[in-house]
Amino acid sequence: MNRNLQRLFTIAQKPVRRIIGLMSGTSLDGLDVALCAISGSGMDTRVTVEHFETVPYPIAVKDEIRKVFAKDTISFRQLCLLHPWLAHLHAQWILECLQKWNLTPEEVDLIASHGQTVYHSPKILHRLPDFPNATLQIVDGDHIAVSTGIITLSDFRQKHIAAGGEGAPLALYGDYCLFSKKGEDRIMLNMGGIANFTFLPGDLDPSGVFVTDTGPGNTLLDAFARAFFQAEYDKDALFAKQGTVNENLLTALKADPFFKEPFPRTTGPELFSKDYVKTAQEHSDTIGLSPYDIMATLTRFSADTIADALQSVLQTDKHYAVYASGGGAHNPLLTSLIRERLPRLEFHTTDELGIAGDAKEAVLFAILANEAICGEGIDFGKPGMPAITMGKLSFPA
């Protein structure tokens, strides 16, 4: 037997596997690195986050990614170069984290690399009848495996699409395994660049689980914070709090057909871009709005579309607990606006469940890697939520 296959077989038999989950989202904040100790699989999965670190993307790295990020026209040379270049950087940062944590690569079983999304194009966005759902994440798994010496799983979203999904959101697979609780209906609300939620029924029936993107989370707020104030994001909603919501612009922002698409649906910055806002301003005759009023309106736009999506699926006579994560959970104005719209919901953060909100997505990809090695696929019994395991293997040598 090939020695790497033998090593993988041995890892699958271990009572506890050490897996590094990596996540870099559409906000381009940086690389989340979560070292997880994982036992079991499926509903028997147990996770301890031993270490967590966010390595901020240097401005120069963000600038290089933005040359191809969510753009219809790009330099293919730039895309080709970024694929191994970012992988080398991610590998370097993993090794630096391990050194900081006084660990060696030999003490880690697997790496689960989400990669960096550069374009997301489900059918509901591209609307080309002869073409399938599509998404593209760069950061080459082979480069990470060779540079670190650790077996790496990557490119998780492609199997989801191949099996009939849209490639996102993938959170439900880890959410269901890790956060389901008998007797409590839970909403796992993640507010990254794009916002999404997973519903976890208290009866633990997988057919009752569903997941969907709701629309923008932070992506427009971050884009306009950079454009107006040369800030990477609207820290503590400082800019939005100084503005006033413009109802005409808000109505125009909500008018896109995406918000009438059935669940599950996915989207990305390809739709929710500065051009999207400019078009809405033209349609609402609000081109002259102040930067502060635009920030206030965009924050309300994110909050309303999140609340609208939740309200459309929750029953009025049932109790639900919401557990928030992602960068938007740190935005006091965004979270307060959602709470105002949904006063009967009980709001928490995933920190209360033992997983820091900032680490959650990296942890979920570690779970996906664990499922690929040890799991059998959870059958949710629904289109767009295929019963599969995901991740392509890269061996160190």
Protein backbone atom coordinates (compact mmCIF):
# COMPACT_ATOMS: atom_id res chain seq x y z
CA MET A 1 0.00 0.00 0.00
CA ASN A 2 1.18 3.54 -0.75
CA ARG A 3 2.65 4.96 2.45
CA ASN A 4 0.42 8.04 2.29
CA LEU A 5 -2.67 5.87 2.00
CA GLN A 6 -1.42 3.80 4.92
CA ARG A 7 -0.91 6.99 6.91
CA LEU A 8 -4.43 8.15 6.03
CA PHE A 9 -5.86 4.78 7.09
CA THR A 10 -4.04 5.08 10.42
CA ILE A 11 -5.36 8.60 10.95
CA ALA A 12 -8.93 7.44 10.27
CA GLN A 13 -8.59 4.79 13.00
CA LYS A 14 -7.34 7.17 15.69
CA PRO A 15 -9.70 7.92 18.59
CA VAL A 16 -8.83 11.63 18.33
CA ARG A 17 -7.55 13.43 15.23
CA ARG A 18 -5.76 16.76 15.26
CA ILE A 19 -6.99 18.78 12.29
CA ILE A 20 -6.15 22.35 11.33
CA GLY A 21 -9.11 24.15 9.79
CA LEU A 22 -8.37 27.13 7.56
CA MET A 23 -10.80 29.81 6.45
CA SER A 24 -10.46 33.02 4.51
CA GLY A 25 -13.79 34.55 3.58
CA THR A 26 -15.02 37.14 1.13
CA SER A 27 -14.22 39.94 3.57
CA LEU A 28 -10.50 39.22 2.97
CA ASP A 29 -9.75 39.92 6.64
CA GLY A 30 -7.10 37.24 6.87
CA LEU A 31 -6.53 33.55 7.42
CA ASP A 32 -8.31 31.89 10.35
CA VAL A 33 -6.26 28.96 11.68
CA ALA A 34 -8.04 26.62 14.12
CA LEU A 35 -6.27 23.59 15.57
CA CYS A 36 -9.00 21.15 16.53
CA ALA A 37 -8.99 17.85 18.39
CA ILE A 38 -11.85 15.87 16.83
CA SER A 39 -13.30 12.50 17.80
CA GLY A 40 -16.14 10.55 16.28
CA SER A 41 -18.08 11.57 13.18
CA GLY A 42 -21.59 12.57 12.20
CA MET A 43 -23.80 13.25 15.21
CA ASP A 44 -21.12 11.70 17.44
CA THR A 45 -18.58 14.40 16.50
CA ARG A 46 -16.85 16.06 19.42
CA VAL A 47 -14.50 19.03 18.96
CA THR A 48 -12.07 20.83 21.22
CA VAL A 49 -10.42 23.94 19.78
CA GLU A 50 -6.91 23.69 21.15
CA HIS A 51 -5.58 26.85 19.52
CA PHE A 52 -6.94 29.60 17.29
CA GLU A 53 -5.25 32.45 15.47
CA THR A 54 -6.30 34.92 12.80
CA VAL A 55 -3.37 35.92 10.61
CA PRO A 56 -4.36 39.29 9.10
CA TYR A 57 -3.86 39.62 5.37
CA PRO A 58 -1.29 42.34 4.74
CA ILE A 59 -2.60 45.17 2.58
CA ALA A 60 -0.35 44.02 -0.27
CA VAL A 61 -1.94 40.55 -0.19
CA LYS A 62 -5.45 42.01 -0.20
CA ASP A 63 -4.54 44.23 -3.15
CA GLU A 64 -3.28 41.24 -5.15
CA ILE A 65 -6.46 39.23 -4.45
CA ARG A 66 -8.71 42.16 -5.32
CA LYS A 67 -7.23 42.21 -8.82
CA VAL A 68 -9.23 39.03 -9.57
CA PHE A 69 -11.83 38.98 -6.78
CA ALA A 70 -15.47 38.94 -7.96
CA LYS A 71 -14.55 40.48 -11.32
CA ASP A 72 -15.84 39.43 -14.74
CA THR A 73 -12.68 40.60 -16.49
CA ILE A 74 -9.29 39.67 -15.02
CA SER A 75 -5.71 38.84 -15.85
CA PHE A 76 -5.51 35.05 -16.09
CA ARG A 77 -1.79 35.28 -15.37
CA GLN A 78 -2.64 36.98 -12.07
CA LEU A 79 -5.12 34.22 -11.20
CA CYS A 80 -2.60 31.53 -12.14
CA LEU A 81 0.13 33.11 -10.01
CA LEU A 82 -2.11 33.67 -6.99
CA HIS A 83 -3.06 29.97 -6.75
CA PRO A 84 0.39 28.74 -5.60
CA TRP A 85 1.53 32.08 -4.12
CA LEU A 86 -1.31 32.22 -1.60
CA ALA A 87 -0.83 28.53 -0.84
CA HIS A 88 2.81 29.17 0.00
CA LEU A 89 1.79 32.05 2.29
CA HIS A 90 -0.88 29.95 4.01
CA ALA A 91 1.63 27.15 4.56
CA GLN A 92 4.14 29.61 5.99
CA TRP A 93 1.54 31.02 8.38
CA ILE A 94 0.49 27.52 9.48
CA LEU A 95 4.10 26.66 10.34
CA GLU A 96 4.47 29.94 12.22
CA CYS A 97 1.33 29.19 14.22
CA LEU A 98 2.57 25.71 15.07
CA GLN A 99 5.88 27.14 16.25
CA LYS A 100 4.01 29.68 18.40
CA TRP A 101 1.93 26.83 19.88
CA ASN A 102 5.06 24.72 20.54
CA LEU A 103 3.92 22.01 18.14
CA THR A 104 5.56 20.27 15.20
CA PRO A 105 3.89 19.36 11.89
CA GLU A 106 4.24 15.71 12.87
CA GLU A 107 1.76 16.32 15.70
CA VAL A 108 -0.96 17.37 13.23
CA ASP A 109 -2.94 14.77 11.27
CA LEU A 110 -4.69 16.83 8.60
CA ILE A 111 -5.15 20.33 7.22
CA ALA A 112 -8.57 21.40 5.92
CA SER A 113 -8.10 24.34 3.56
CA HIS A 114 -11.16 26.24 2.36
CA GLY A 115 -9.02 28.35 0.06
CA GLN A 116 -9.83 31.87 -1.08
CA THR A 117 -13.06 32.36 -3.01
CA VAL A 118 -12.45 34.55 -6.05
CA TYR A 119 -15.73 34.01 -7.89
CA HIS A 120 -19.10 32.49 -6.99
CA SER A 121 -21.57 31.96 -9.82
CA PRO A 122 -24.66 29.84 -9.08
CA LYS A 123 -27.35 29.63 -11.76
CA ILE A 124 -29.55 32.18 -10.01
CA LEU A 125 -26.80 34.75 -10.60
CA HIS A 126 -25.38 33.86 -14.03
CA ARG A 127 -28.80 32.83 -15.50
CA LEU A 128 -27.19 30.99 -18.42
CA PRO A 129 -29.39 27.92 -19.09
CA ASP A 130 -26.64 25.81 -20.65
CA PHE A 131 -24.21 26.22 -17.73
CA PRO A 132 -24.26 24.71 -14.22
CA ASN A 133 -23.74 26.20 -10.79
CA ALA A 134 -20.10 27.20 -10.39
CA THR A 135 -17.67 28.55 -7.84
CA LEU A 136 -13.90 28.99 -7.73
CA GLN A 137 -11.58 28.89 -4.74
CA ILE A 138 -7.83 29.26 -5.19
CA VAL A 139 -4.95 28.27 -2.84
CA ASP A 140 -3.48 25.01 -4.06
CA GLY A 141 -3.70 22.07 -1.65
CA ASP A 142 -0.61 20.33 -3.06
CA HIS A 143 1.57 23.33 -2.24
CA ILE A 144 0.24 23.42 1.34
CA ALA A 145 0.81 19.67 1.79
CA VAL A 146 4.35 19.72 0.41
CA SER A 147 5.37 22.88 2.30
CA THR A 148 4.00 21.72 5.66
CA GLY A 149 4.45 17.94 5.36
CA ILE A 150 0.80 17.49 6.42
CA ILE A 151 -1.92 15.70 4.41
CA THR A 152 -4.24 18.43 3.15
CA LEU A 153 -7.88 18.41 2.07
CA SER A 154 -9.06 21.32 -0.07
CA ASP A 155 -11.53 22.40 -2.76
CA PHE A 156 -14.55 21.34 -0.69
CA ARG A 157 -17.21 23.20 -2.65
CA GLN A 158 -16.80 21.37 -5.97
CA LYS A 159 -18.32 18.07 -4.73
CA HIS A 160 -21.32 19.98 -3.40
CA ILE A 161 -21.93 21.42 -6.87
CA ALA A 162 -21.26 18.08 -8.59
CA ALA A 163 -23.93 16.48 -6.40
CA GLY A 164 -26.54 19.14 -7.19
CA GLY A 165 -25.83 21.93 -4.69
CA GLU A 166 -24.72 25.50 -5.30
CA GLY A 167 -21.36 25.14 -3.54
CA ALA A 168 -22.60 27.14 -0.55
CA PRO A 169 -23.40 27.50 2.23
CA LEU A 170 -21.55 24.45 3.52
CA ALA A 171 -21.99 25.36 7.18
CA LEU A 172 -24.97 23.06 7.66
CA TYR A 173 -22.82 19.90 7.57
CA GLY A 174 -20.73 21.00 10.52
CA ASP A 175 -23.54 22.92 12.22
CA TYR A 176 -25.76 19.83 12.30
CA CYS A 177 -23.01 17.59 13.70
CA LEU A 178 -21.70 20.03 16.25
CA PHE A 179 -24.48 22.34 17.39
CA SER A 180 -27.76 20.39 17.22
CA LYS A 181 -29.42 20.04 20.60
CA LYS A 182 -32.36 17.87 21.55
CA GLY A 183 -35.30 20.03 22.59
CA GLU A 184 -34.02 23.39 21.26
CA ASP A 185 -34.70 24.79 17.81
CA ARG A 186 -31.55 26.69 16.88
CA ILE A 187 -30.59 29.23 14.25
CA MET A 188 -26.86 29.37 13.51
CA LEU A 189 -26.52 32.86 11.99
CA ASN A 190 -23.20 33.64 10.33
CA MET A 191 -22.63 37.24 9.24
CA GLY A 192 -19.48 37.30 7.15
CA GLY A 193 -19.16 39.12 3.84
CA ILE A 194 -22.37 37.31 2.90
CA ALA A 195 -24.84 36.37 5.63
CA ASN A 196 -26.30 32.88 5.96
CA PHE A 197 -28.10 30.79 8.52
CA THR A 198 -28.65 27.13 9.34
CA PHE A 199 -31.86 25.99 11.02
CA LEU A 200 -31.33 23.05 13.41
CA PRO A 201 -34.57 21.43 14.61
CA GLY A 202 -34.81 20.38 18.23
CA ASP A 203 -36.09 16.94 17.24
CA LEU A 204 -32.70 16.31 15.49
CA ASP A 205 -34.45 15.18 12.30
CA PRO A 206 -31.99 15.88 9.45
CA SER A 207 -34.86 16.37 6.99
CA GLY A 208 -35.88 19.44 8.99
CA VAL A 209 -32.47 21.11 8.62
CA PHE A 210 -32.06 23.84 6.07
CA VAL A 211 -29.51 26.48 5.20
CA THR A 212 -29.42 29.52 2.96
CA ASP A 213 -27.63 32.73 2.20
CA THR A 214 -29.74 35.76 3.04
CA GLY A 215 -27.84 38.45 1.13
CA PRO A 216 -25.11 40.88 2.15
CA GLY A 217 -23.56 40.75 5.58
CA ASN A 218 -20.46 42.94 5.71
CA THR A 219 -19.40 42.96 2.07
CA LEU A 220 -21.00 46.30 1.12
CA LEU A 221 -20.14 47.90 4.47
CA ASP A 222 -16.49 46.95 4.02
CA ALA A 223 -16.39 48.12 0.39
CA PHE A 224 -17.79 51.54 1.19
CA ALA A 225 -15.74 51.94 4.38
CA ARG A 226 -12.69 51.55 2.15
CA ALA A 227 -14.07 53.83 -0.56
CA PHE A 228 -15.26 56.65 1.72
CA PHE A 229 -13.02 56.49 4.78
CA GLN A 230 -9.95 54.42 3.77
CA ALA A 231 -10.87 51.99 6.56
CA GLU A 232 -10.96 48.21 6.18
CA TYR A 233 -14.36 48.03 7.88
CA ASP A 234 -16.85 50.11 9.88
CA LYS A 235 -15.50 49.39 13.35
CA ASP A 236 -18.27 49.53 15.95
CA ALA A 237 -20.52 51.04 13.22
CA LEU A 238 -18.79 54.39 13.81
CA PHE A 239 -19.63 55.70 10.33
CA ALA A 240 -23.13 54.23 10.04
CA LYS A 241 -24.18 55.65 13.42
CA GLN A 242 -23.47 59.17 12.13
CA GLY A 243 -25.88 58.77 9.21
CA THR A 244 -29.62 58.49 8.60
CA VAL A 245 -31.32 55.68 6.70
CA ASN A 246 -32.70 56.79 3.34
CA GLU A 247 -35.92 54.85 2.77
CA ASN A 248 -35.95 55.40 -1.01
CA LEU A 249 -32.47 53.94 -1.40
CA LEU A 250 -33.32 51.11 0.99
CA THR A 251 -36.35 50.18 -1.12
CA ALA A 252 -34.26 50.19 -4.30
CA LEU A 253 -31.58 48.01 -2.68
CA LYS A 254 -34.22 45.43 -1.71
CA ALA A 255 -35.74 45.29 -5.20
CA ASP A 256 -33.34 42.72 -6.69
CA PRO A 257 -34.92 39.41 -7.84
CA PHE A 258 -32.47 37.51 -5.62
CA PHE A 259 -34.65 38.27 -2.60
CA LYS A 260 -37.61 36.51 -4.21
CA GLU A 261 -35.66 33.32 -5.02
CA PRO A 262 -36.68 30.24 -3.00
CA PHE A 263 -34.44 28.78 -0.30
CA PRO A 264 -31.77 27.50 -0.39
CA ARG A 265 -30.08 30.24 -2.39
CA THR A 266 -26.53 31.51 -2.51
CA THR A 267 -24.91 34.74 -3.61
CA GLY A 268 -21.71 36.74 -3.33
CA PRO A 269 -19.95 40.05 -3.88
CA GLU A 270 -20.36 39.43 -7.61
CA LEU A 271 -23.94 40.69 -7.14
CA PHE A 272 -23.65 42.83 -4.03
CA SER A 273 -20.99 45.24 -5.21
CA LYS A 274 -20.44 48.99 -5.41
CA ASP A 275 -22.07 48.90 -8.85
CA TYR A 276 -25.17 47.33 -7.27
CA VAL A 277 -25.43 50.27 -4.88
CA LYS A 278 -24.76 52.82 -7.63
CA THR A 279 -27.60 51.35 -9.72
CA ALA A 280 -29.94 51.48 -6.71
CA GLN A 281 -28.98 55.12 -6.13
CA GLU A 282 -29.72 55.97 -9.75
CA HIS A 283 -33.12 54.28 -9.56
CA SER A 284 -33.98 56.04 -6.29
CA ASP A 285 -32.52 59.45 -7.23
CA THR A 286 -30.17 59.38 -4.23
CA ILE A 287 -26.81 59.94 -5.91
CA GLY A 288 -26.10 62.94 -3.65
CA LEU A 289 -26.37 61.07 -0.34
CA SER A 290 -23.61 61.65 2.20
CA PRO A 291 -21.18 58.80 2.91
CA TYR A 292 -22.61 58.50 6.43
CA ASP A 293 -26.18 58.17 5.16
CA ILE A 294 -25.07 55.50 2.68
CA MET A 295 -23.34 53.56 5.46
CA ALA A 296 -26.45 53.81 7.66
CA THR A 297 -28.68 52.63 4.82
CA LEU A 298 -26.38 49.73 3.88
CA THR A 299 -26.29 48.56 7.50
CA ARG A 300 -30.08 48.62 7.60
CA PHE A 301 -30.15 46.79 4.25
CA SER A 302 -28.08 43.92 5.66
CA ALA A 303 -30.13 43.82 8.87
CA ASP A 304 -33.49 43.87 7.09
CA THR A 305 -32.63 41.18 4.56
CA ILE A 306 -31.29 38.92 7.33
CA ALA A 307 -34.42 39.52 9.42
CA ASP A 308 -36.74 39.08 6.42
CA ALA A 309 -35.17 35.72 5.59
CA LEU A 310 -35.47 34.49 9.16
CA GLN A 311 -39.01 35.77 9.55
CA SER A 312 -40.15 34.02 6.39
CA VAL A 313 -39.31 30.56 7.72
CA LEU A 314 -39.87 30.75 11.48
CA GLN A 315 -43.20 29.82 13.03
CA THR A 316 -44.77 32.45 15.25
CA ASP A 317 -45.79 29.96 17.95
CA LYS A 318 -42.35 28.39 18.46
CA HIS A 319 -39.31 29.42 20.48
CA TYR A 320 -35.93 29.74 18.73
CA ALA A 321 -32.42 30.43 19.98
CA VAL A 322 -30.13 32.35 17.59
CA TYR A 323 -26.36 31.85 17.84
CA ALA A 324 -24.45 34.49 15.88
CA SER A 325 -20.93 34.38 14.48
CA GLY A 326 -18.79 36.15 11.89
CA GLY A 327 -17.59 39.72 11.66
CA GLY A 328 -21.13 41.10 11.66
CA ALA A 329 -21.66 39.77 15.18
CA HIS A 330 -19.21 42.48 16.31
CA ASN A 331 -21.21 45.27 14.62
CA PRO A 332 -23.42 46.70 17.38
CA LEU A 333 -25.73 48.58 15.03
CA LEU A 334 -26.26 45.62 12.70
CA THR A 335 -27.05 43.26 15.57
CA SER A 336 -29.34 45.73 17.33
CA LEU A 337 -31.34 46.34 14.14
CA ILE A 338 -31.84 42.59 13.70
CA ARG A 339 -32.94 42.24 17.32
CA GLU A 340 -35.44 45.08 16.90
CA ARG A 341 -37.01 43.32 13.91
CA LEU A 342 -37.13 39.95 15.70
CA PRO A 343 -37.81 40.75 19.37
CA ARG A 344 -39.20 37.30 20.22
CA LEU A 345 -35.96 35.51 19.31
CA GLU A 346 -33.36 34.72 21.95
CA PHE A 347 -29.94 35.94 20.77
CA HIS A 348 -26.56 34.47 21.75
CA THR A 349 -23.13 34.02 20.23
CA THR A 350 -21.48 30.70 19.43
CA ASP A 351 -18.94 31.50 22.15
CA GLU A 352 -21.60 30.31 24.60
CA LEU A 353 -21.49 26.91 22.87
CA GLY A 354 -17.73 26.60 23.33
CA ILE A 355 -16.70 27.73 19.84
CA ALA A 356 -15.57 31.33 19.39
CA GLY A 357 -17.59 33.04 16.68
CA ASP A 358 -14.47 34.16 14.84
CA ALA A 359 -13.18 30.58 14.77
CA LYS A 360 -16.43 28.86 13.81
CA GLU A 361 -16.00 28.64 10.03
CA ALA A 362 -12.44 27.35 10.28
CA VAL A 363 -13.66 24.74 12.78
CA LEU A 364 -16.48 23.73 10.43
CA PHE A 365 -14.01 23.00 7.64
CA ALA A 366 -11.96 20.88 10.03
CA ILE A 367 -15.19 18.93 10.63
CA LEU A 368 -15.72 18.55 6.88
CA ALA A 369 -12.22 17.07 6.59
CA ASN A 370 -12.98 14.72 9.47
CA GLU A 371 -16.19 13.63 7.74
CA ALA A 372 -14.29 13.01 4.49
CA ILE A 373 -11.93 10.64 6.29
CA CYS A 374 -14.28 9.05 8.83
CA GLY A 375 -17.88 9.94 7.98
CA GLU A 376 -20.51 8.44 5.71
CA GLY A 377 -22.47 11.53 4.63
CA ILE A 378 -25.60 12.85 6.32
CA ASP A 379 -28.80 12.51 4.33
CA PHE A 380 -30.82 15.71 4.65
CA GLY A 381 -33.31 14.43 2.07
CA LYS A 382 -33.51 17.71 0.18
CA PRO A 383 -32.41 19.10 -3.19
CA GLY A 384 -29.41 21.38 -2.85
CA MET A 385 -28.32 19.63 0.37
CA PRO A 386 -26.68 16.43 -0.94
CA ALA A 387 -25.62 13.59 1.36
CA ILE A 388 -21.91 13.70 0.54
CA THR A 389 -18.46 14.06 1.98
CA MET A 390 -16.24 16.76 0.53
CA GLY A 391 -12.59 17.61 0.02
CA LYS A 392 -9.79 16.62 -2.36
CA LEU A 393 -6.70 14.95 -0.95
CA SER A 394 -3.17 16.26 -1.36
CA PHE A 395 -0.27 14.18 -0.03
CA PRO A 396 3.01 15.75 1.11
CA ALA A 397 5.15 13.67 -1.25
